C-alpha atoms as a PDB file:
ATOM      1  CA  MET A   1      19.166 -33.968  14.866  1.00  0.00           C
ATOM      2  CA  ALA A   2      22.038 -35.793  16.645  1.00  0.00           C
ATOM      3  CA  THR A   3      21.725 -36.752  20.299  1.00  0.00           C
ATOM      4  CA  GLY A   4      24.479 -36.440  22.898  1.00  0.00           C
ATOM      5  CA  ILE A   5      24.660 -38.495  26.106  1.00  0.00           C
ATOM      6  CA  ALA A   6      27.312 -37.724  28.737  1.00  0.00           C
ATOM      7  CA  VAL A   7      28.450 -39.740  31.754  1.00  0.00           C
ATOM      8  CA  ASN A   8      30.907 -37.877  33.961  1.00  0.00           C
ATOM      9  CA  ILE A   9      32.683 -39.832  36.695  1.00  0.00           C
ATOM     10  CA  GLY A  10      34.694 -38.471  39.625  1.00  0.00           C
ATOM     11  CA  VAL A  11      36.205 -40.589  42.427  1.00  0.00           C
ATOM     12  CA  ASN A  12      37.940 -38.750  45.277  1.00  0.00           C
ATOM     13  CA  PHE A  13      37.988 -41.835  47.506  1.00  0.00           C
ATOM     14  CA  ILE A  14      37.682 -45.568  46.938  1.00  0.00           C
ATOM     15  CA  ASP A  15      36.486 -48.514  49.028  1.00  0.00           C
ATOM     16  CA  ALA A  16      39.245 -49.343  51.525  1.00  0.00           C
ATOM     17  CA  LYS A  17      37.836 -52.857  51.966  1.00  0.00           C
ATOM     18  CA  HIS A  18      38.628 -53.664  48.345  1.00  0.00           C
ATOM     19  CA  TYR A  19      41.743 -51.564  47.742  1.00  0.00           C
ATOM     20  CA  GLY A  20      43.398 -51.518  51.164  1.00  0.00           C
ATOM     21  CA  SER A  21      43.025 -47.746  51.628  1.00  0.00           C
ATOM     22  CA  ASP A  22      40.655 -45.025  50.510  1.00  0.00           C
ATOM     23  CA  GLY A  23      43.325 -43.504  48.223  1.00  0.00           C
ATOM     24  CA  ALA A  24      42.054 -40.016  48.966  1.00  0.00           C
ATOM     25  CA  LEU A  25      42.385 -37.405  46.210  1.00  0.00           C
ATOM     26  CA  LYS A  26      41.167 -33.808  46.053  1.00  0.00           C
ATOM     27  CA  GLY A  27      40.331 -32.731  42.516  1.00  0.00           C
ATOM     28  CA  CYS A  28      38.466 -35.634  40.904  1.00  0.00           C
ATOM     29  CA  VAL A  29      34.935 -34.706  41.921  1.00  0.00           C
ATOM     30  CA  ASN A  30      35.582 -31.141  40.767  1.00  0.00           C
ATOM     31  CA  ASP A  31      36.870 -32.486  37.447  1.00  0.00           C
ATOM     32  CA  ALA A  32      33.695 -34.507  36.937  1.00  0.00           C
ATOM     33  CA  LYS A  33      31.472 -31.567  37.858  1.00  0.00           C
ATOM     34  CA  ALA A  34      33.356 -29.345  35.405  1.00  0.00           C
ATOM     35  CA  MET A  35      32.989 -31.920  32.618  1.00  0.00           C
ATOM     36  CA  HIS A  36      29.310 -32.312  33.485  1.00  0.00           C
ATOM     37  CA  GLU A  37      28.740 -28.558  33.301  1.00  0.00           C
ATOM     38  CA  LEU A  38      30.601 -28.422  29.984  1.00  0.00           C
ATOM     39  CA  ALA A  39      28.478 -31.283  28.627  1.00  0.00           C
ATOM     40  CA  LEU A  40      25.187 -29.702  29.653  1.00  0.00           C
ATOM     41  CA  GLY A  41      26.290 -26.437  28.073  1.00  0.00           C
ATOM     42  CA  GLN A  42      26.868 -28.303  24.808  1.00  0.00           C
ATOM     43  CA  GLY A  43      23.401 -29.827  24.849  1.00  0.00           C
ATOM     44  CA  PHE A  44      24.181 -33.296  26.191  1.00  0.00           C
ATOM     45  CA  LYS A  45      21.794 -35.253  28.381  1.00  0.00           C
ATOM     46  CA  GLY A  46      24.070 -35.727  31.368  1.00  0.00           C
ATOM     47  CA  GLN A  47      24.612 -38.140  34.245  1.00  0.00           C
ATOM     48  CA  LEU A  48      27.037 -37.347  37.070  1.00  0.00           C
ATOM     49  CA  LEU A  49      28.503 -40.235  39.109  1.00  0.00           C
ATOM     50  CA  LEU A  50      30.586 -39.273  42.147  1.00  0.00           C
ATOM     51  CA  ASN A  51      32.461 -41.354  44.737  1.00  0.00           C
ATOM     52  CA  THR A  52      30.213 -44.202  46.001  1.00  0.00           C
ATOM     53  CA  GLU A  53      27.853 -43.736  43.034  1.00  0.00           C
ATOM     54  CA  ALA A  54      30.813 -44.293  40.696  1.00  0.00           C
ATOM     55  CA  ASN A  55      30.751 -48.048  41.187  1.00  0.00           C
ATOM     56  CA  ARG A  56      31.017 -50.803  38.589  1.00  0.00           C
ATOM     57  CA  THR A  57      27.277 -51.471  38.484  1.00  0.00           C
ATOM     58  CA  GLN A  58      26.303 -47.842  37.890  1.00  0.00           C
ATOM     59  CA  VAL A  59      29.053 -47.081  35.372  1.00  0.00           C
ATOM     60  CA  ILE A  60      28.506 -50.255  33.330  1.00  0.00           C
ATOM     61  CA  ARG A  61      24.744 -49.684  33.350  1.00  0.00           C
ATOM     62  CA  ALA A  62      25.209 -46.111  32.082  1.00  0.00           C
ATOM     63  CA  ILE A  63      27.489 -47.253  29.245  1.00  0.00           C
ATOM     64  CA  ASN A  64      25.143 -50.057  28.207  1.00  0.00           C
ATOM     65  CA  GLN A  65      22.122 -47.735  28.262  1.00  0.00           C
ATOM     66  CA  ALA A  66      23.950 -45.343  25.950  1.00  0.00           C
ATOM     67  CA  ALA A  67      24.960 -48.198  23.644  1.00  0.00           C
ATOM     68  CA  THR A  68      21.326 -49.298  23.386  1.00  0.00           C
ATOM     69  CA  SER A  69      19.813 -45.880  22.745  1.00  0.00           C
ATOM     70  CA  LEU A  70      22.334 -44.059  20.545  1.00  0.00           C
ATOM     71  CA  GLN A  71      22.099 -44.274  16.759  1.00  0.00           C
ATOM     72  CA  ALA A  72      24.458 -43.438  13.894  1.00  0.00           C
ATOM     73  CA  GLY A  73      25.461 -39.777  14.105  1.00  0.00           C
ATOM     74  CA  ASP A  74      24.965 -39.541  17.876  1.00  0.00           C
ATOM     75  CA  LEU A  75      27.736 -38.839  20.407  1.00  0.00           C
ATOM     76  CA  PHE A  76      28.552 -40.551  23.701  1.00  0.00           C
ATOM     77  CA  PHE A  77      30.869 -38.544  25.965  1.00  0.00           C
ATOM     78  CA  ILE A  78      32.295 -40.311  29.013  1.00  0.00           C
ATOM     79  CA  SER A  79      34.833 -38.738  31.340  1.00  0.00           C
ATOM     80  CA  TYR A  80      36.685 -40.321  34.251  1.00  0.00           C
ATOM     81  CA  SER A  81      38.735 -38.635  36.934  1.00  0.00           C
ATOM     82  CA  GLY A  82      40.357 -40.739  39.633  1.00  0.00           C
ATOM     83  CA  HIS A  83      43.056 -43.290  40.244  1.00  0.00           C
ATOM     84  CA  GLY A  84      44.322 -45.273  37.293  1.00  0.00           C
ATOM     85  CA  SER A  85      46.055 -48.587  37.726  1.00  0.00           C
ATOM     86  CA  ARG A  86      47.602 -51.534  35.901  1.00  0.00           C
ATOM     87  CA  VAL A  87      46.726 -55.191  36.283  1.00  0.00           C
ATOM     88  CA  PRO A  88      48.174 -58.408  34.814  1.00  0.00           C
ATOM     89  CA  ASP A  89      47.231 -58.840  31.140  1.00  0.00           C
ATOM     90  CA  SER A  90      45.263 -62.090  31.082  1.00  0.00           C
ATOM     91  CA  HIS A  91      44.593 -61.913  27.323  1.00  0.00           C
ATOM     92  CA  ARG A  92      48.230 -61.273  26.384  1.00  0.00           C
ATOM     93  CA  ASP A  93      47.405 -58.371  24.082  1.00  0.00           C
ATOM     94  CA  GLU A  94      49.620 -55.775  25.792  1.00  0.00           C
ATOM     95  CA  ASP A  95      53.306 -55.370  24.909  1.00  0.00           C
ATOM     96  CA  ASP A  96      54.202 -54.667  28.539  1.00  0.00           C
ATOM     97  CA  GLY A  97      52.073 -57.502  29.946  1.00  0.00           C
ATOM     98  CA  MET A  98      49.789 -55.108  31.829  1.00  0.00           C
ATOM     99  CA  ASP A  99      46.225 -53.912  31.257  1.00  0.00           C
ATOM    100  CA  GLU A 100      45.254 -50.396  32.232  1.00  0.00           C
ATOM    101  CA  SER A 101      42.235 -49.733  34.445  1.00  0.00           C
ATOM    102  CA  TRP A 102      40.035 -47.160  36.117  1.00  0.00           C
ATOM    103  CA  CYS A 103      39.727 -47.496  39.908  1.00  0.00           C
ATOM    104  CA  LEU A 104      35.992 -47.133  40.360  1.00  0.00           C
ATOM    105  CA  TYR A 105      34.717 -46.898  43.913  1.00  0.00           C
ATOM    106  CA  ASP A 106      34.190 -50.605  44.575  1.00  0.00           C
ATOM    107  CA  ALA A 107      36.544 -52.281  42.051  1.00  0.00           C
ATOM    108  CA  GLN A 108      38.555 -51.685  38.911  1.00  0.00           C
ATOM    109  CA  LEU A 109      37.169 -51.391  35.387  1.00  0.00           C
ATOM    110  CA  ILE A 110      39.733 -52.860  32.978  1.00  0.00           C
ATOM    111  CA  ASP A 111      40.524 -51.607  29.477  1.00  0.00           C
ATOM    112  CA  ASP A 112      39.585 -54.990  27.941  1.00  0.00           C
ATOM    113  CA  GLU A 113      36.119 -54.505  29.416  1.00  0.00           C
ATOM    114  CA  LEU A 114      35.858 -51.002  28.002  1.00  0.00           C
ATOM    115  CA  ASN A 115      36.816 -52.290  24.574  1.00  0.00           C
ATOM    116  CA  ALA A 116      34.057 -54.890  24.812  1.00  0.00           C
ATOM    117  CA  PHE A 117      31.583 -52.158  25.776  1.00  0.00           C
ATOM    118  CA  TRP A 118      32.588 -50.016  22.779  1.00  0.00           C
ATOM    119  CA  SER A 119      31.778 -52.954  20.493  1.00  0.00           C
ATOM    120  CA  ARG A 120      28.137 -52.745  21.605  1.00  0.00           C
ATOM    121  CA  PHE A 121      27.666 -49.303  20.056  1.00  0.00           C
ATOM    122  CA  LYS A 122      26.166 -49.103  16.582  1.00  0.00           C
ATOM    123  CA  ALA A 123      28.150 -48.172  13.496  1.00  0.00           C
ATOM    124  CA  GLY A 124      28.269 -44.417  12.989  1.00  0.00           C
ATOM    125  CA  VAL A 125      28.123 -43.549  16.699  1.00  0.00           C
ATOM    126  CA  ARG A 126      30.919 -41.288  17.954  1.00  0.00           C
ATOM    127  CA  ILE A 127      32.432 -41.952  21.387  1.00  0.00           C
ATOM    128  CA  LEU A 128      34.595 -39.409  23.215  1.00  0.00           C
ATOM    129  CA  VAL A 129      36.541 -40.584  26.264  1.00  0.00           C
ATOM    130  CA  VAL A 130      38.321 -38.066  28.523  1.00  0.00           C
ATOM    131  CA  SER A 131      40.400 -39.784  31.209  1.00  0.00           C
ATOM    132  CA  ASP A 132      42.316 -37.799  33.837  1.00  0.00           C
ATOM    133  CA  SER A 133      44.010 -40.759  35.509  1.00  0.00           C
ATOM    134  CA  CYS A 134      47.409 -42.418  35.666  1.00  0.00           C
ATOM    135  CA  HIS A 135      48.482 -44.940  33.005  1.00  0.00           C
ATOM    136  CA  SER A 136      45.629 -43.752  30.780  1.00  0.00           C
ATOM    137  CA  GLY A 137      47.398 -43.497  27.423  1.00  0.00           C
ATOM    138  CA  THR A 138      45.613 -46.541  25.995  1.00  0.00           C
ATOM    139  CA  ILE A 139      42.715 -46.930  28.410  1.00  0.00           C
ATOM    140  CA  THR A 140      40.367 -47.268  25.408  1.00  0.00           C
ATOM    141  CA  LYS A 141      42.703 -50.013  23.946  1.00  0.00           C
ATOM    142  CA  PRO A 142      44.090 -50.736  20.398  1.00  0.00           C
ATOM    143  CA  GLY A 143      52.930 -23.828  26.938  1.00  0.00           C
ATOM    144  CA  GLU A 144      55.370 -23.509  29.620  1.00  0.00           C
ATOM    145  CA  PRO A 145      55.531 -26.165  32.276  1.00  0.00           C
ATOM    146  CA  GLU A 146      54.098 -25.219  35.645  1.00  0.00           C
ATOM    147  CA  PRO A 147      56.523 -26.437  38.350  1.00  0.00           C
ATOM    148  CA  VAL A 148      53.725 -26.741  40.906  1.00  0.00           C
ATOM    149  CA  TYR A 149      52.580 -29.960  39.211  1.00  0.00           C
ATOM    150  CA  THR A 150      55.705 -31.769  40.352  1.00  0.00           C
ATOM    151  CA  GLN A 151      54.582 -31.147  43.919  1.00  0.00           C
ATOM    152  CA  GLN A 152      51.105 -32.584  43.420  1.00  0.00           C
ATOM    153  CA  ILE A 153      49.887 -36.097  44.170  1.00  0.00           C
ATOM    154  CA  PRO A 154      49.926 -38.624  41.311  1.00  0.00           C
ATOM    155  CA  ARG A 155      46.604 -40.348  40.684  1.00  0.00           C
ATOM    156  CA  PHE A 156      47.827 -43.879  41.250  1.00  0.00           C
ATOM    157  CA  LEU A 157      47.979 -46.238  44.189  1.00  0.00           C
ATOM    158  CA  PRO A 158      51.369 -47.597  45.310  1.00  0.00           C
ATOM    159  CA  LEU A 159      52.390 -50.748  43.425  1.00  0.00           C
ATOM    160  CA  GLU A 160      52.469 -52.859  46.596  1.00  0.00           C
ATOM    161  CA  GLN A 161      48.940 -51.786  47.469  1.00  0.00           C
ATOM    162  CA  MET A 162      47.581 -52.570  44.003  1.00  0.00           C
ATOM    163  CA  GLN A 163      49.300 -55.960  43.969  1.00  0.00           C
ATOM    164  CA  LYS A 164      47.747 -56.788  47.328  1.00  0.00           C
ATOM    165  CA  ALA A 165      44.325 -55.567  46.167  1.00  0.00           C
ATOM    166  CA  TRP A 166      44.625 -57.795  43.093  1.00  0.00           C
ATOM    167  CA  LYS A 167      45.709 -60.820  45.148  1.00  0.00           C
ATOM    168  CA  ASP A 168      43.020 -60.315  47.796  1.00  0.00           C
ATOM    169  CA  ASN A 169      40.354 -60.157  45.068  1.00  0.00           C
ATOM    170  CA  GLU A 170      41.975 -62.511  42.557  1.00  0.00           C
ATOM    171  CA  ALA A 171      38.941 -64.766  42.119  1.00  0.00           C
ATOM    172  CA  PHE A 172      36.745 -61.758  41.342  1.00  0.00           C
ATOM    173  CA  TYR A 173      39.091 -60.432  38.669  1.00  0.00           C
ATOM    174  CA  GLN A 174      39.748 -63.859  37.169  1.00  0.00           C
ATOM    175  CA  ASP A 175      36.023 -64.457  36.787  1.00  0.00           C
ATOM    176  CA  LEU A 176      35.663 -61.012  35.261  1.00  0.00           C
ATOM    177  CA  THR A 177      38.419 -61.423  32.676  1.00  0.00           C
ATOM    178  CA  SER A 178      37.521 -65.029  31.805  1.00  0.00           C
ATOM    179  CA  ALA A 179      34.042 -63.850  30.786  1.00  0.00           C
ATOM    180  CA  LEU A 180      35.493 -61.460  28.199  1.00  0.00           C
ATOM    181  CA  PRO A 181      35.904 -62.528  24.568  1.00  0.00           C
ATOM    182  CA  ARG A 182      39.335 -64.035  23.879  1.00  0.00           C
ATOM    183  CA  ALA A 183      39.741 -62.070  20.645  1.00  0.00           C
ATOM    184  CA  ALA A 184      39.372 -58.303  20.536  1.00  0.00           C
ATOM    185  CA  PRO A 185      35.785 -57.540  19.492  1.00  0.00           C
ATOM    186  CA  GLU A 186      35.059 -55.438  16.417  1.00  0.00           C
ATOM    187  CA  VAL A 187      34.360 -51.816  17.305  1.00  0.00           C
ATOM    188  CA  LYS A 188      32.038 -50.256  14.720  1.00  0.00           C
ATOM    189  CA  ALA A 189      31.793 -46.885  16.438  1.00  0.00           C
ATOM    190  CA  SER A 190      34.588 -44.294  16.299  1.00  0.00           C
ATOM    191  CA  VAL A 191      36.201 -44.049  19.742  1.00  0.00           C
ATOM    192  CA  ARG A 192      38.353 -41.009  20.501  1.00  0.00           C
ATOM    193  CA  LEU A 193      40.491 -40.768  23.640  1.00  0.00           C
ATOM    194  CA  LEU A 194      41.877 -37.654  25.284  1.00  0.00           C
ATOM    195  CA  SER A 195      43.864 -38.883  28.286  1.00  0.00           C
ATOM    196  CA  GLY A 196      45.842 -37.143  30.993  1.00  0.00           C
ATOM    197  CA  CYS A 197      49.121 -38.962  30.331  1.00  0.00           C
ATOM    198  CA  GLN A 198      50.852 -41.856  28.583  1.00  0.00           C
ATOM    199  CA  ASP A 199      50.672 -45.456  29.845  1.00  0.00           C
ATOM    200  CA  ASN A 200      54.062 -45.130  31.561  1.00  0.00           C
ATOM    201  CA  GLN A 201      53.257 -41.798  33.224  1.00  0.00           C
ATOM    202  CA  TYR A 202      51.219 -40.418  36.090  1.00  0.00           C
ATOM    203  CA  SER A 203      48.394 -37.873  36.008  1.00  0.00           C
ATOM    204  CA  TYR A 204      48.758 -35.386  38.828  1.00  0.00           C
ATOM    205  CA  ASP A 205      46.069 -34.277  41.221  1.00  0.00           C
ATOM    206  CA  GLY A 206      45.568 -30.719  42.465  1.00  0.00           C
ATOM    207  CA  ASP A 207      43.664 -28.889  45.183  1.00  0.00           C
ATOM    208  CA  GLN A 208      40.908 -27.855  42.755  1.00  0.00           C
ATOM    209  CA  ASN A 209      41.308 -29.944  39.599  1.00  0.00           C
ATOM    210  CA  GLY A 210      43.718 -32.392  38.061  1.00  0.00           C
ATOM    211  CA  ALA A 211      46.630 -30.943  36.088  1.00  0.00           C
ATOM    212  CA  PHE A 212      45.249 -32.259  32.783  1.00  0.00           C
ATOM    213  CA  THR A 213      41.675 -31.140  33.420  1.00  0.00           C
ATOM    214  CA  THR A 214      42.914 -27.695  34.468  1.00  0.00           C
ATOM    215  CA  GLN A 215      44.666 -27.189  31.136  1.00  0.00           C
ATOM    216  CA  LEU A 216      41.836 -28.752  29.119  1.00  0.00           C
ATOM    217  CA  LEU A 217      39.369 -26.289  30.640  1.00  0.00           C
ATOM    218  CA  GLN A 218      41.692 -23.348  30.059  1.00  0.00           C
ATOM    219  CA  VAL A 219      42.195 -24.270  26.406  1.00  0.00           C
ATOM    220  CA  TRP A 220      38.460 -24.883  26.024  1.00  0.00           C
ATOM    221  CA  ASN A 221      37.986 -21.372  27.425  1.00  0.00           C
ATOM    222  CA  GLY A 222      34.266 -21.622  28.040  1.00  0.00           C
ATOM    223  CA  GLY A 223      33.615 -22.824  24.501  1.00  0.00           C
ATOM    224  CA  ARG A 224      35.674 -20.162  22.749  1.00  0.00           C
ATOM    225  CA  PHE A 225      38.225 -22.656  21.409  1.00  0.00           C
ATOM    226  CA  GLN A 226      38.253 -22.874  17.631  1.00  0.00           C
ATOM    227  CA  GLY A 227      39.802 -25.951  16.056  1.00  0.00           C
ATOM    228  CA  ASN A 228      39.553 -29.719  15.809  1.00  0.00           C
ATOM    229  CA  TYR A 229      40.529 -32.457  18.258  1.00  0.00           C
ATOM    230  CA  GLN A 230      44.110 -32.712  17.059  1.00  0.00           C
ATOM    231  CA  GLN A 231      44.600 -28.969  17.518  1.00  0.00           C
ATOM    232  CA  PHE A 232      42.866 -29.105  20.902  1.00  0.00           C
ATOM    233  CA  HIS A 233      45.202 -31.864  22.088  1.00  0.00           C
ATOM    234  CA  LYS A 234      48.257 -30.019  20.790  1.00  0.00           C
ATOM    235  CA  LYS A 235      47.375 -26.840  22.694  1.00  0.00           C
ATOM    236  CA  ILE A 236      46.793 -28.781  25.918  1.00  0.00           C
ATOM    237  CA  LEU A 237      50.065 -30.692  25.446  1.00  0.00           C
ATOM    238  CA  MET A 238      52.013 -27.456  25.022  1.00  0.00           C
ATOM    239  CA  ARG A 239      50.808 -26.278  28.433  1.00  0.00           C
ATOM    240  CA  MET A 240      51.747 -29.450  30.311  1.00  0.00           C
ATOM    241  CA  PRO A 241      55.015 -30.291  32.103  1.00  0.00           C
ATOM    242  CA  ALA A 242      57.345 -32.832  30.504  1.00  0.00           C
ATOM    243  CA  ILE A 243      56.523 -35.419  33.178  1.00  0.00           C
ATOM    244  CA  GLN A 244      52.889 -35.596  32.025  1.00  0.00           C
ATOM    245  CA  SER A 245      52.102 -35.834  28.292  1.00  0.00           C
ATOM    246  CA  PRO A 246      48.396 -36.121  27.440  1.00  0.00           C
ATOM    247  CA  ASN A 247      47.507 -38.618  24.725  1.00  0.00           C
ATOM    248  CA  HIS A 248      45.111 -38.375  21.778  1.00  0.00           C
ATOM    249  CA  SER A 249      44.184 -41.530  19.892  1.00  0.00           C
ATOM    250  CA  VAL A 250      41.326 -43.081  17.917  1.00  0.00           C
ATOM    251  CA  ILE A 251      40.241 -46.710  17.631  1.00  0.00           C
ATOM    252  CA  GLY A 252      37.344 -48.364  15.842  1.00  0.00           C
ATOM    253  CA  ALA A 253      35.825 -47.006  12.659  1.00  0.00           C
ATOM    254  CA  SER A 254      37.337 -44.094  10.777  1.00  0.00           C
ATOM    255  CA  ASP A 255      35.180 -40.962  10.894  1.00  0.00           C
ATOM    256  CA  PRO A 256      36.775 -37.988   9.076  1.00  0.00           C
ATOM    257  CA  GLN A 257      33.885 -35.708  10.082  1.00  0.00           C
ATOM    258  CA  PHE A 258      34.478 -36.533  13.766  1.00  0.00           C
ATOM    259  CA  ASP A 259      38.197 -35.767  13.251  1.00  0.00           C
ATOM    260  CA  GLN A 260      37.424 -32.244  12.081  1.00  0.00           C
ATOM    261  CA  GLN A 261      34.711 -31.317  14.542  1.00  0.00           C
ATOM    262  CA  THR A 262      35.182 -28.841  17.356  1.00  0.00           C
ATOM    263  CA  PRO A 263      35.665 -30.783  20.631  1.00  0.00           C
ATOM    264  CA  PHE A 264      32.419 -31.749  22.416  1.00  0.00           C
ATOM    265  CA  GLU A 265      30.318 -30.818  19.371  1.00  0.00           C
ATOM    266  CA  ILE A 266      27.209 -32.987  19.114  1.00  0.00           C
END
């Protein structure tokens, strides 16, 4: 019988010492709790990381533990809700010269790092990434619009603030990126991304949940949704405003069975 491990991350505020402000948001913790409840309902063994607990050490440890324990046929589900950012592309593998990142509590987690983590999972493992953050269209690497969303807060920090945070912590990030493999590692698992927007867009926050998570949960409808991941993404996309277009992509190994499964099915 297949095993499912879930890690659900929500960051409503970040470390002002590192980022220059706490970047306060409202709906990210609720998003993570909703994803955690969904995961437990589907039979996953779950871990919930919120705010200060959602730091680089804890998140990386959780991913590595899953990579060690999961076998072919198992499913790793990781969700992130919080600020997304972009940093200079040190490996020159991005067309726009920028890497995407998650703003964990104490420092950013860069997409090149995530790709390296995915390469640690065994062949035949399925990985599902749900990211409700800005610039998240390629965070994993290689209806009617609701006008209220345009009034919500985008989940990104101002460019000037992120540039200053990068400069103030440049040695840290240079050491981090220099330790990564120069060539993209081989990913033997099948990694599926459902993200809140495209790389050049923002994901919007809300009083209760993010705009993307709100629509994902409504389409999921307490587990009543019938269809595969492509159909799931299409229904969510139809409910979103034009300024925010969720992405669905797959990297790593091809897995036709994973393609046709109902979302979150272990």
